[in-house]
Amino acid sequence: MVTNISNLGRSGVSDWVIQRVSAVILTLYTVFIVVYLLSNPGLDYATWSNLFAQTWMRIFSLLAFISLAAHAWVGLWTVTTDYLKSTCVRLGAQLVIILAVFVFLVWGIQVLWGA
């Protein structure tokens, strides 16, 4: 069995599970939002704001944000390990990706739960 140091101890099975579970969550979230938008043709700010003021919607959105971050990281980690052969370039790209995913996740949480 080959172990890659940048894999941080994860197995291919765990990556596969993360990708599939996060894809299901993102699909459910997308379907919900599309159905909500289609079923509310005269949607205004107050209705939209009321939807996101509910705790269950904030939790569902938070789950979607975390799923998006996990999905992006596993996918981009796979792409960088497959196509960037230079260790320095690969680790640099992965560091930038981790930083960007983290910033977007924190930003999303701040927007969702902020004042």
PDB file of N, CA and C in Angstrom:
ATOM      1  N   MET A   1       0.837  -1.174   0.000  1.00  0.00           N
ATOM      2  CA  MET A   1       0.000   0.000   0.000  1.00  0.00           C
ATOM      3  C   MET A   1       0.884   1.239   0.000  1.00  0.00           C
ATOM      4  N   VAL A   2       0.554   2.178  -0.857  1.00  0.00           N
ATOM      5  CA  VAL A   2       1.332   3.400  -0.974  1.00  0.00           C
ATOM      6  C   VAL A   2       0.680   4.473  -0.111  1.00  0.00           C
ATOM      7  N   THR A   3       1.488   5.151   0.693  1.00  0.00           N
ATOM      8  CA  THR A   3       0.985   6.230   1.536  1.00  0.00           C
ATOM      9  C   THR A   3       1.591   7.543   1.066  1.00  0.00           C
ATOM     10  N   ASN A   4       0.764   8.546   0.907  1.00  0.00           N
ATOM     11  CA  ASN A   4       1.229   9.853   0.488  1.00  0.00           C
ATOM     12  C   ASN A   4       1.213  10.773   1.700  1.00  0.00           C
ATOM     13  N   ILE A   5       2.294  11.475   1.935  1.00  0.00           N
ATOM     14  CA  ILE A   5       2.410  12.313   3.121  1.00  0.00           C
ATOM     15  C   ILE A   5       1.396  13.449   3.108  1.00  0.00           C
ATOM     16  N   SER A   6       1.031  13.952   1.924  1.00  0.00           N
ATOM     17  CA  SER A   6       0.075  15.064   1.860  1.00  0.00           C
ATOM     18  C   SER A   6      -1.363  14.603   2.041  1.00  0.00           C
ATOM     19  N   ASN A   7      -1.567  13.300   2.128  1.00  0.00           N
ATOM     20  CA  ASN A   7      -2.907  12.759   2.323  1.00  0.00           C
ATOM     21  C   ASN A   7      -3.361  12.881   3.769  1.00  0.00           C
ATOM     22  N   LEU A   8      -2.454  13.168   4.686  1.00  0.00           N
ATOM     23  CA  LEU A   8      -2.748  13.324   6.108  1.00  0.00           C
ATOM     24  C   LEU A   8      -3.424  12.101   6.716  1.00  0.00           C
ATOM     25  N   GLY A   9      -3.057  10.921   6.246  1.00  0.00           N
ATOM     26  CA  GLY A   9      -3.524   9.689   6.860  1.00  0.00           C
ATOM     27  C   GLY A   9      -4.885   9.211   6.406  1.00  0.00           C
ATOM     28  N   ARG A  10      -5.550   9.945   5.523  1.00  0.00           N
ATOM     29  CA  ARG A  10      -6.864   9.503   5.054  1.00  0.00           C
ATOM     30  C   ARG A  10      -6.681   8.368   4.047  1.00  0.00           C
ATOM     31  N   SER A  11      -7.692   7.542   3.948  1.00  0.00           N
ATOM     32  CA  SER A  11      -7.655   6.481   2.950  1.00  0.00           C
ATOM     33  C   SER A  11      -8.499   6.904   1.758  1.00  0.00           C
ATOM     34  N   GLY A  12      -8.351   6.188   0.683  1.00  0.00           N
ATOM     35  CA  GLY A  12      -9.167   6.467  -0.497  1.00  0.00           C
ATOM     36  C   GLY A  12     -10.638   6.246  -0.226  1.00  0.00           C
ATOM     37  N   VAL A  13     -10.948   5.294   0.652  1.00  0.00           N
ATOM     38  CA  VAL A  13     -12.349   5.017   0.987  1.00  0.00           C
ATOM     39  C   VAL A  13     -12.958   6.216   1.715  1.00  0.00           C
ATOM     40  N   SER A  14     -12.234   6.796   2.652  1.00  0.00           N
ATOM     41  CA  SER A  14     -12.781   7.949   3.376  1.00  0.00           C
ATOM     42  C   SER A  14     -12.970   9.135   2.441  1.00  0.00           C
ATOM     43  N   ASP A  15     -12.050   9.343   1.511  1.00  0.00           N
ATOM     44  CA  ASP A  15     -12.226  10.401   0.518  1.00  0.00           C
ATOM     45  C   ASP A  15     -13.467  10.147  -0.328  1.00  0.00           C
ATOM     46  N   TRP A  16     -13.661   8.906  -0.734  1.00  0.00           N
ATOM     47  CA  TRP A  16     -14.822   8.540  -1.538  1.00  0.00           C
ATOM     48  C   TRP A  16     -16.119   8.808  -0.762  1.00  0.00           C
ATOM     49  N   VAL A  17     -16.140   8.422   0.504  1.00  0.00           N
ATOM     50  CA  VAL A  17     -17.334   8.631   1.335  1.00  0.00           C
ATOM     51  C   VAL A  17     -17.604  10.121   1.511  1.00  0.00           C
ATOM     52  N   ILE A  18     -16.554  10.902   1.792  1.00  0.00           N
ATOM     53  CA  ILE A  18     -16.720  12.355   1.949  1.00  0.00           C
ATOM     54  C   ILE A  18     -17.292  12.956   0.677  1.00  0.00           C
ATOM     55  N   GLN A  19     -16.755  12.563  -0.468  1.00  0.00           N
ATOM     56  CA  GLN A  19     -17.259  13.092  -1.739  1.00  0.00           C
ATOM     57  C   GLN A  19     -18.729  12.738  -1.955  1.00  0.00           C
ATOM     58  N   ARG A  20     -19.102  11.501  -1.684  1.00  0.00           N
ATOM     59  CA  ARG A  20     -20.486  11.066  -1.946  1.00  0.00           C
ATOM     60  C   ARG A  20     -21.468  11.687  -0.965  1.00  0.00           C
ATOM     61  N   VAL A  21     -21.129  11.705   0.315  1.00  0.00           N
ATOM     62  CA  VAL A  21     -22.028  12.272   1.322  1.00  0.00           C
ATOM     63  C   VAL A  21     -22.187  13.775   1.091  1.00  0.00           C
ATOM     64  N   SER A  22     -21.083  14.461   0.843  1.00  0.00           N
ATOM     65  CA  SER A  22     -21.174  15.902   0.603  1.00  0.00           C
ATOM     66  C   SER A  22     -21.943  16.198  -0.678  1.00  0.00           C
ATOM     67  N   ALA A  23     -21.799  15.360  -1.692  1.00  0.00           N
ATOM     68  CA  ALA A  23     -22.556  15.555  -2.933  1.00  0.00           C
ATOM     69  C   ALA A  23     -24.056  15.383  -2.699  1.00  0.00           C
ATOM     70  N   VAL A  24     -24.437  14.422  -1.886  1.00  0.00           N
ATOM     71  CA  VAL A  24     -25.860  14.218  -1.566  1.00  0.00           C
ATOM     72  C   VAL A  24     -26.412  15.428  -0.811  1.00  0.00           C
ATOM     73  N   ILE A  25     -25.664  15.916   0.171  1.00  0.00           N
ATOM     74  CA  ILE A  25     -26.113  17.081   0.941  1.00  0.00           C
ATOM     75  C   ILE A  25     -26.244  18.302   0.041  1.00  0.00           C
ATOM     76  N   LEU A  26     -25.255  18.531  -0.813  1.00  0.00           N
ATOM     77  CA  LEU A  26     -25.314  19.672  -1.725  1.00  0.00           C
ATOM     78  C   LEU A  26     -26.457  19.542  -2.723  1.00  0.00           C
ATOM     79  N   THR A  27     -26.735  18.334  -3.158  1.00  0.00           N
ATOM     80  CA  THR A  27     -27.864  18.105  -4.061  1.00  0.00           C
ATOM     81  C   THR A  27     -29.185  18.407  -3.369  1.00  0.00           C
ATOM     82  N   LEU A  28     -29.343  17.914  -2.147  1.00  0.00           N
ATOM     83  CA  LEU A  28     -30.573  18.182  -1.391  1.00  0.00           C
ATOM     84  C   LEU A  28     -30.758  19.676  -1.159  1.00  0.00           C
ATOM     85  N   TYR A  29     -29.684  20.362  -0.809  1.00  0.00           N
ATOM     86  CA  TYR A  29     -29.755  21.806  -0.562  1.00  0.00           C
ATOM     87  C   TYR A  29     -30.130  22.553  -1.848  1.00  0.00           C
ATOM     88  N   THR A  30     -29.506  22.188  -2.950  1.00  0.00           N
ATOM     89  CA  THR A  30     -29.796  22.830  -4.232  1.00  0.00           C
ATOM     90  C   THR A  30     -31.240  22.592  -4.654  1.00  0.00           C
ATOM     91  N   VAL A  31     -31.698  21.361  -4.527  1.00  0.00           N
ATOM     92  CA  VAL A  31     -33.087  21.041  -4.882  1.00  0.00           C
ATOM     93  C   VAL A  31     -34.046  21.839  -4.005  1.00  0.00           C
ATOM     94  N   PHE A  32     -33.764  21.923  -2.704  1.00  0.00           N
ATOM     95  CA  PHE A  32     -34.626  22.687  -1.810  1.00  0.00           C
ATOM     96  C   PHE A  32     -34.699  24.151  -2.239  1.00  0.00           C
ATOM     97  N   ILE A  33     -33.543  24.764  -2.496  1.00  0.00           N
ATOM     98  CA  ILE A  33     -33.515  26.176  -2.876  1.00  0.00           C
ATOM     99  C   ILE A  33     -34.247  26.400  -4.203  1.00  0.00           C
ATOM    100  N   VAL A  34     -34.033  25.535  -5.177  1.00  0.00           N
ATOM    101  CA  VAL A  34     -34.706  25.680  -6.474  1.00  0.00           C
ATOM    102  C   VAL A  34     -36.210  25.533  -6.312  1.00  0.00           C
ATOM    103  N   VAL A  35     -36.666  24.527  -5.565  1.00  0.00           N
ATOM    104  CA  VAL A  35     -38.099  24.335  -5.341  1.00  0.00           C
ATOM    105  C   VAL A  35     -38.679  25.530  -4.587  1.00  0.00           C
ATOM    106  N   TYR A  36     -37.963  26.030  -3.598  1.00  0.00           N
ATOM    107  CA  TYR A  36     -38.437  27.188  -2.837  1.00  0.00           C
ATOM    108  C   TYR A  36     -38.575  28.413  -3.742  1.00  0.00           C
ATOM    109  N   LEU A  37     -37.588  28.634  -4.582  1.00  0.00           N
ATOM    110  CA  LEU A  37     -37.650  29.781  -5.492  1.00  0.00           C
ATOM    111  C   LEU A  37     -38.781  29.637  -6.509  1.00  0.00           C
ATOM    112  N   LEU A  38     -38.980  28.439  -7.022  1.00  0.00           N
ATOM    113  CA  LEU A  38     -40.052  28.213  -7.996  1.00  0.00           C
ATOM    114  C   LEU A  38     -41.437  28.292  -7.357  1.00  0.00           C
ATOM    115  N   SER A  39     -41.540  27.916  -6.102  1.00  0.00           N
ATOM    116  CA  SER A  39     -42.839  27.938  -5.435  1.00  0.00           C
ATOM    117  C   SER A  39     -43.173  29.304  -4.837  1.00  0.00           C
ATOM    118  N   ASN A  40     -42.242  30.233  -4.885  1.00  0.00           N
ATOM    119  CA  ASN A  40     -42.461  31.597  -4.393  1.00  0.00           C
ATOM    120  C   ASN A  40     -42.097  32.594  -5.493  1.00  0.00           C
ATOM    121  N   PRO A  41     -42.945  32.714  -6.519  1.00  0.00           N
ATOM    122  CA  PRO A  41     -42.589  33.581  -7.653  1.00  0.00           C
ATOM    123  C   PRO A  41     -42.501  35.066  -7.289  1.00  0.00           C
ATOM    124  N   GLY A  42     -43.253  35.507  -6.292  1.00  0.00           N
ATOM    125  CA  GLY A  42     -43.203  36.904  -5.886  1.00  0.00           C
ATOM    126  C   GLY A  42     -42.307  37.103  -4.680  1.00  0.00           C
ATOM    127  N   LEU A  43     -41.205  36.384  -4.636  1.00  0.00           N
ATOM    128  CA  LEU A  43     -40.320  36.400  -3.477  1.00  0.00           C
ATOM    129  C   LEU A  43     -39.755  37.796  -3.246  1.00  0.00           C
ATOM    130  N   ASP A  44     -39.878  38.267  -2.015  1.00  0.00           N
ATOM    131  CA  ASP A  44     -39.295  39.554  -1.657  1.00  0.00           C
ATOM    132  C   ASP A  44     -38.246  39.345  -0.561  1.00  0.00           C
ATOM    133  N   TYR A  45     -37.580  40.432  -0.214  1.00  0.00           N
ATOM    134  CA  TYR A  45     -36.503  40.342   0.773  1.00  0.00           C
ATOM    135  C   TYR A  45     -37.004  39.842   2.122  1.00  0.00           C
ATOM    136  N   ALA A  46     -38.177  40.288   2.533  1.00  0.00           N
ATOM    137  CA  ALA A  46     -38.702  39.899   3.846  1.00  0.00           C
ATOM    138  C   ALA A  46     -38.936  38.390   3.929  1.00  0.00           C
ATOM    139  N   THR A  47     -39.486  37.808   2.870  1.00  0.00           N
ATOM    140  CA  THR A  47     -39.730  36.362   2.847  1.00  0.00           C
ATOM    141  C   THR A  47     -38.408  35.593   2.842  1.00  0.00           C
ATOM    142  N   TRP A  48     -37.472  36.053   2.015  1.00  0.00           N
ATOM    143  CA  TRP A  48     -36.164  35.403   1.927  1.00  0.00           C
ATOM    144  C   TRP A  48     -35.432  35.506   3.267  1.00  0.00           C
ATOM    145  N   SER A  49     -35.479  36.680   3.870  1.00  0.00           N
ATOM    146  CA  SER A  49     -34.836  36.901   5.159  1.00  0.00           C
ATOM    147  C   SER A  49     -35.487  36.042   6.251  1.00  0.00           C
ATOM    148  N   ASN A  50     -36.797  35.926   6.190  1.00  0.00           N
ATOM    149  CA  ASN A  50     -37.521  35.092   7.155  1.00  0.00           C
ATOM    150  C   ASN A  50     -37.118  33.624   7.040  1.00  0.00           C
ATOM    151  N   LEU A  51     -36.904  33.156   5.804  1.00  0.00           N
ATOM    152  CA  LEU A  51     -36.464  31.772   5.604  1.00  0.00           C
ATOM    153  C   LEU A  51     -35.126  31.531   6.302  1.00  0.00           C
ATOM    154  N   PHE A  52     -34.182  32.443   6.110  1.00  0.00           N
ATOM    155  CA  PHE A  52     -32.850  32.256   6.674  1.00  0.00           C
ATOM    156  C   PHE A  52     -32.760  32.662   8.138  1.00  0.00           C
ATOM    157  N   ALA A  53     -33.818  33.226   8.674  1.00  0.00           N
ATOM    158  CA  ALA A  53     -33.852  33.541  10.108  1.00  0.00           C
ATOM    159  C   ALA A  53     -34.217  32.319  10.932  1.00  0.00           C
ATOM    160  N   GLN A  54     -34.739  31.302  10.285  1.00  0.00           N
ATOM    161  CA  GLN A  54     -35.140  30.085  10.990  1.00  0.00           C
ATOM    162  C   GLN A  54     -33.911  29.218  11.277  1.00  0.00           C
ATOM    163  N   THR A  55     -33.861  28.678  12.470  1.00  0.00           N
ATOM    164  CA  THR A  55     -32.697  27.900  12.895  1.00  0.00           C
ATOM    165  C   THR A  55     -32.460  26.685  12.010  1.00  0.00           C
ATOM    166  N   TRP A  56     -33.507  25.972  11.634  1.00  0.00           N
ATOM    167  CA  TRP A  56     -33.321  24.769  10.812  1.00  0.00           C
ATOM    168  C   TRP A  56     -32.684  25.121   9.465  1.00  0.00           C
ATOM    169  N   MET A  57     -33.032  26.284   8.900  1.00  0.00           N
ATOM    170  CA  MET A  57     -32.461  26.687   7.613  1.00  0.00           C
ATOM    171  C   MET A  57     -31.008  27.097   7.779  1.00  0.00           C
ATOM    172  N   ARG A  58     -30.699  27.744   8.889  1.00  0.00           N
ATOM    173  CA  ARG A  58     -29.311  28.098   9.143  1.00  0.00           C
ATOM    174  C   ARG A  58     -28.451  26.842   9.326  1.00  0.00           C
ATOM    175  N   ILE A  59     -28.975  25.858  10.025  1.00  0.00           N
ATOM    176  CA  ILE A  59     -28.240  24.606  10.219  1.00  0.00           C
ATOM    177  C   ILE A  59     -28.081  23.870   8.883  1.00  0.00           C
ATOM    178  N   PHE A  60     -29.149  23.838   8.093  1.00  0.00           N
ATOM    179  CA  PHE A  60     -29.095  23.198   6.773  1.00  0.00           C
ATOM    180  C   PHE A  60     -28.071  23.915   5.893  1.00  0.00           C
ATOM    181  N   SER A  61     -28.063  25.249   5.932  1.00  0.00           N
ATOM    182  CA  SER A  61     -27.098  26.025   5.153  1.00  0.00           C
ATOM    183  C   SER A  61     -25.679  25.798   5.656  1.00  0.00           C
ATOM    184  N   LEU A  62     -25.503  25.742   6.972  1.00  0.00           N
ATOM    185  CA  LEU A  62     -24.184  25.464   7.540  1.00  0.00           C
ATOM    186  C   LEU A  62     -23.691  24.091   7.108  1.00  0.00           C
ATOM    187  N   LEU A  63     -24.575  23.116   7.117  1.00  0.00           N
ATOM    188  CA  LEU A  63     -24.218  21.774   6.651  1.00  0.00           C
ATOM    189  C   LEU A  63     -23.812  21.802   5.177  1.00  0.00           C
ATOM    190  N   ALA A  64     -24.514  22.607   4.397  1.00  0.00           N
ATOM    191  CA  ALA A  64     -24.169  22.745   2.978  1.00  0.00           C
ATOM    192  C   ALA A  64     -22.812  23.423   2.810  1.00  0.00           C
ATOM    193  N   PHE A  65     -22.524  24.464   3.618  1.00  0.00           N
ATOM    194  CA  PHE A  65     -21.223  25.134   3.543  1.00  0.00           C
ATOM    195  C   PHE A  65     -20.091  24.173   3.890  1.00  0.00           C
ATOM    196  N   ILE A  66     -20.266  23.412   4.961  1.00  0.00           N
ATOM    197  CA  ILE A  66     -19.239  22.452   5.368  1.00  0.00           C
ATOM    198  C   ILE A  66     -19.072  21.374   4.297  1.00  0.00           C
ATOM    199  N   SER A  67     -20.188  20.930   3.731  1.00  0.00           N
ATOM    200  CA  SER A  67     -20.127  19.924   2.669  1.00  0.00           C
ATOM    201  C   SER A  67     -19.394  20.456   1.445  1.00  0.00           C
ATOM    202  N   LEU A  68     -19.665  21.721   1.098  1.00  0.00           N
ATOM    203  CA  LEU A  68     -18.987  22.328  -0.041  1.00  0.00           C
ATOM    204  C   LEU A  68     -17.488  22.419   0.208  1.00  0.00           C
ATOM    205  N   ALA A  69     -17.096  22.807   1.408  1.00  0.00           N
ATOM    206  CA  ALA A  69     -15.676  22.898   1.751  1.00  0.00           C
ATOM    207  C   ALA A  69     -15.004  21.524   1.683  1.00  0.00           C
ATOM    208  N   ALA A  70     -15.644  20.514   2.253  1.00  0.00           N
ATOM    209  CA  ALA A  70     -15.074  19.158   2.239  1.00  0.00           C
ATOM    210  C   ALA A  70     -14.999  18.619   0.813  1.00  0.00           C
ATOM    211  N   HIS A  71     -16.069  18.829   0.052  1.00  0.00           N
ATOM    212  CA  HIS A  71     -16.127  18.349  -1.330  1.00  0.00           C
ATOM    213  C   HIS A  71     -15.027  19.008  -2.170  1.00  0.00           C
ATOM    214  N   ALA A  72     -14.887  20.322  -2.002  1.00  0.00           N
ATOM    215  CA  ALA A  72     -13.866  21.055  -2.753  1.00  0.00           C
ATOM    216  C   ALA A  72     -12.466  20.592  -2.375  1.00  0.00           C
ATOM    217  N   TRP A  73     -12.221  20.422  -1.073  1.00  0.00           N
ATOM    218  CA  TRP A  73     -10.886  20.017  -0.651  1.00  0.00           C
ATOM    219  C   TRP A  73     -10.521  18.636  -1.204  1.00  0.00           C
ATOM    220  N   VAL A  74     -11.403  17.663  -1.066  1.00  0.00           N
ATOM    221  CA  VAL A  74     -11.082  16.309  -1.547  1.00  0.00           C
ATOM    222  C   VAL A  74     -10.882  16.323  -3.061  1.00  0.00           C
ATOM    223  N   GLY A  75     -11.759  17.014  -3.769  1.00  0.00           N
ATOM    224  CA  GLY A  75     -11.636  17.077  -5.227  1.00  0.00           C
ATOM    225  C   GLY A  75     -10.357  17.763  -5.674  1.00  0.00           C
ATOM    226  N   LEU A  76     -10.052  18.905  -5.075  1.00  0.00           N
ATOM    227  CA  LEU A  76      -8.845  19.631  -5.472  1.00  0.00           C
ATOM    228  C   LEU A  76      -7.579  18.940  -4.989  1.00  0.00           C
ATOM    229  N   TRP A  77      -7.640  18.261  -3.834  1.00  0.00           N
ATOM    230  CA  TRP A  77      -6.488  17.478  -3.402  1.00  0.00           C
ATOM    231  C   TRP A  77      -6.194  16.378  -4.421  1.00  0.00           C
ATOM    232  N   THR A  78      -7.246  15.730  -4.898  1.00  0.00           N
ATOM    233  CA  THR A  78      -7.077  14.667  -5.888  1.00  0.00           C
ATOM    234  C   THR A  78      -6.467  15.213  -7.178  1.00  0.00           C
ATOM    235  N   VAL A  79      -6.980  16.339  -7.642  1.00  0.00           N
ATOM    236  CA  VAL A  79      -6.463  16.937  -8.878  1.00  0.00           C
ATOM    237  C   VAL A  79      -5.000  17.348  -8.706  1.00  0.00           C
ATOM    238  N   THR A  80      -4.677  17.992  -7.586  1.00  0.00           N
ATOM    239  CA  THR A  80      -3.284  18.429  -7.408  1.00  0.00           C
ATOM    240  C   THR A  80      -2.324  17.252  -7.276  1.00  0.00           C
ATOM    241  N   THR A  81      -2.742  16.197  -6.608  1.00  0.00           N
ATOM    242  CA  THR A  81      -1.834  15.046  -6.480  1.00  0.00           C
ATOM    243  C   THR A  81      -1.682  14.298  -7.796  1.00  0.00           C
ATOM    244  N   ASP A  82      -2.708  14.358  -8.643  1.00  0.00           N
ATOM    245  CA  ASP A  82      -2.628  13.683  -9.937  1.00  0.00           C
ATOM    246  C   ASP A  82      -1.812  14.471 -10.961  1.00  0.00           C
ATOM    247  N   TYR A  83      -1.910  15.794 -10.947  1.00  0.00           N
ATOM    248  CA  TYR A  83      -1.355  16.589 -12.035  1.00  0.00           C
ATOM    249  C   TYR A  83      -0.153  17.454 -11.665  1.00  0.00           C
ATOM    250  N   LEU A  84       0.055  17.727 -10.390  1.00  0.00           N
ATOM    251  CA  LEU A  84       1.223  18.517  -9.991  1.00  0.00           C
ATOM    252  C   LEU A  84       2.270  17.577  -9.416  1.00  0.00           C
ATOM    253  N   LYS A  85       3.260  17.252 -10.205  1.00  0.00           N
ATOM    254  CA  LYS A  85       4.248  16.247  -9.809  1.00  0.00           C
ATOM    255  C   LYS A  85       5.334  16.815  -8.901  1.00  0.00           C
ATOM    256  N   SER A  86       5.640  18.083  -9.028  1.00  0.00           N
ATOM    257  CA  SER A  86       6.646  18.700  -8.167  1.00  0.00           C
ATOM    258  C   SER A  86       6.069  18.862  -6.765  1.00  0.00           C
ATOM    259  N   THR A  87       6.780  18.326  -5.777  1.00  0.00           N
ATOM    260  CA  THR A  87       6.290  18.372  -4.400  1.00  0.00           C
ATOM    261  C   THR A  87       6.112  19.804  -3.911  1.00  0.00           C
ATOM    262  N   CYS A  88       7.064  20.675  -4.202  1.00  0.00           N
ATOM    263  CA  CYS A  88       6.966  22.069  -3.748  1.00  0.00           C
ATOM    264  C   CYS A  88       5.767  22.771  -4.372  1.00  0.00           C
ATOM    265  N   VAL A  89       5.572  22.589  -5.660  1.00  0.00           N
ATOM    266  CA  VAL A  89       4.445  23.222  -6.348  1.00  0.00           C
ATOM    267  C   VAL A  89       3.125  22.658  -5.816  1.00  0.00           C
ATOM    268  N   ARG A  90       3.069  21.334  -5.671  1.00  0.00           N
ATOM    269  CA  ARG A  90       1.847  20.697  -5.178  1.00  0.00           C
ATOM    270  C   ARG A  90       1.496  21.170  -3.768  1.00  0.00           C
ATOM    271  N   LEU A  91       2.455  21.167  -2.868  1.00  0.00           N
ATOM    272  CA  LEU A  91       2.193  21.592  -1.496  1.00  0.00           C
ATOM    273  C   LEU A  91       1.839  23.079  -1.427  1.00  0.00           C
ATOM    274  N   GLY A  92       2.473  23.887  -2.274  1.00  0.00           N
ATOM    275  CA  GLY A  92       2.132  25.307  -2.340  1.00  0.00           C
ATOM    276  C   GLY A  92       0.698  25.509  -2.820  1.00  0.00           C
ATOM    277  N   ALA A  93       0.328  24.789  -3.867  1.00  0.00           N
ATOM    278  CA  ALA A  93      -1.039  24.886  -4.384  1.00  0.00           C
ATOM    279  C   ALA A  93      -2.042  24.391  -3.350  1.00  0.00           C
ATOM    280  N   GLN A  94      -1.722  23.303  -2.679  1.00  0.00           N
ATOM    281  CA  GLN A  94      -2.632  22.778  -1.658  1.00  0.00           C
ATOM    282  C   GLN A  94      -2.763  23.736  -0.479  1.00  0.00           C
ATOM    283  N   LEU A  95      -1.691  24.413  -0.130  1.00  0.00           N
ATOM    284  CA  LEU A  95      -1.757  25.403   0.945  1.00  0.00           C
ATOM    285  C   LEU A  95      -2.673  26.563   0.560  1.00  0.00           C
ATOM    286  N   VAL A  96      -2.547  27.033  -0.669  1.00  0.00           N
ATOM    287  CA  VAL A  96      -3.424  28.105  -1.167  1.00  0.00           C
ATOM    288  C   VAL A  96      -4.874  27.638  -1.172  1.00  0.00           C
ATOM    289  N   ILE A  97      -5.110  26.413  -1.608  1.00  0.00           N
ATOM    290  CA  ILE A  97      -6.469  25.858  -1.651  1.00  0.00           C
ATOM    291  C   ILE A  97      -7.048  25.744  -0.244  1.00  0.00           C
ATOM    292  N   ILE A  98      -6.261  25.222   0.692  1.00  0.00           N
ATOM    293  CA  ILE A  98      -6.736  25.096   2.078  1.00  0.00           C
ATOM    294  C   ILE A  98      -7.084  26.465   2.643  1.00  0.00           C
ATOM    295  N   LEU A  99      -6.232  27.437   2.404  1.00  0.00           N
ATOM    296  CA  LEU A  99      -6.484  28.794   2.896  1.00  0.00           C
ATOM    297  C   LEU A  99      -7.760  29.374   2.282  1.00  0.00           C
ATOM    298  N   ALA A 100      -7.928  29.211   0.967  1.00  0.00           N
ATOM    299  CA  ALA A 100      -9.117  29.738   0.294  1.00  0.00           C
ATOM    300  C   ALA A 100     -10.391  29.050   0.788  1.00  0.00           C
ATOM    301  N   VAL A 101     -10.367  27.731   0.920  1.00  0.00           N
ATOM    302  CA  VAL A 101     -11.534  26.993   1.410  1.00  0.00           C
ATOM    303  C   VAL A 101     -11.868  27.428   2.830  1.00  0.00           C
ATOM    304  N   PHE A 102     -10.854  27.594   3.666  1.00  0.00           N
ATOM    305  CA  PHE A 102     -11.079  28.024   5.044  1.00  0.00           C
ATOM    306  C   PHE A 102     -11.668  29.431   5.099  1.00  0.00           C
ATOM    307  N   VAL A 103     -11.123  30.348   4.307  1.00  0.00           N
ATOM    308  CA  VAL A 103     -11.630  31.727   4.287  1.00  0.00           C
ATOM    309  C   VAL A 103     -13.075  31.753   3.815  1.00  0.00           C
ATOM    310  N   PHE A 104     -13.387  31.029   2.757  1.00  0.00           N
ATOM    311  CA  PHE A 104     -14.760  31.006   2.255  1.00  0.00           C
ATOM    312  C   PHE A 104     -15.715  30.373   3.260  1.00  0.00           C
ATOM    313  N   LEU A 105     -15.272  29.343   3.953  1.00  0.00           N
ATOM    314  CA  LEU A 105     -16.111  28.700   4.967  1.00  0.00           C
ATOM    315  C   LEU A 105     -16.379  29.652   6.136  1.00  0.00           C
ATOM    316  N   VAL A 106     -15.348  30.310   6.634  1.00  0.00           N
ATOM    317  CA  VAL A 106     -15.519  31.251   7.735  1.00  0.00           C
ATOM    318  C   VAL A 106     -16.403  32.422   7.299  1.00  0.00           C
ATOM    319  N   TRP A 107     -16.184  32.910   6.095  1.00  0.00           N
ATOM    320  CA  TRP A 107     -16.985  34.008   5.558  1.00  0.00           C
ATOM    321  C   TRP A 107     -18.457  33.594   5.462  1.00  0.00           C
ATOM    322  N   GLY A 108     -18.714  32.405   4.946  1.00  0.00           N
ATOM    323  CA  GLY A 108     -20.086  31.901   4.843  1.00  0.00           C
ATOM    324  C   GLY A 108     -20.749  31.770   6.195  1.00  0.00           C
ATOM    325  N   ILE A 109     -20.016  31.279   7.177  1.00  0.00           N
ATOM    326  CA  ILE A 109     -20.565  31.153   8.529  1.00  0.00           C
ATOM    327  C   ILE A 109     -20.864  32.539   9.106  1.00  0.00           C
ATOM    328  N   GLN A 110     -19.978  33.484   8.872  1.00  0.00           N
ATOM    329  CA  GLN A 110     -20.187  34.839   9.358  1.00  0.00           C
ATOM    330  C   GLN A 110     -21.427  35.461   8.721  1.00  0.00           C
ATOM    331  N   VAL A 111     -21.608  35.284   7.434  1.00  0.00           N
ATOM    332  CA  VAL A 111     -22.784  35.813   6.752  1.00  0.00           C
ATOM    333  C   VAL A 111     -24.043  35.142   7.272  1.00  0.00           C
ATOM    334  N   LEU A 112     -23.985  33.838   7.461  1.00  0.00           N
ATOM    335  CA  LEU A 112     -25.153  33.080   7.888  1.00  0.00           C
ATOM    336  C   LEU A 112     -25.534  33.366   9.331  1.00  0.00           C
ATOM    337  N   TRP A 113     -24.580  33.412  10.246  1.00  0.00           N
ATOM    338  CA  TRP A 113     -24.870  33.545  11.662  1.00  0.00           C
ATOM    339  C   TRP A 113     -24.567  34.938  12.221  1.00  0.00           C
ATOM    340  N   GLY A 114     -23.999  35.823  11.375  1.00  0.00           N
ATOM    341  CA  GLY A 114     -23.652  37.160  11.843  1.00  0.00           C
ATOM    342  C   GLY A 114     -24.861  38.021  12.140  1.00  0.00           C
ATOM    343  N   ALA A 115     -24.598  39.167  12.674  1.00  0.00           N
ATOM    344  CA  ALA A 115     -25.683  40.073  13.074  1.00  0.00           C
ATOM    345  C   ALA A 115     -26.294  40.781  11.890  1.00  0.00           C
TER     346      ALA A 115
END
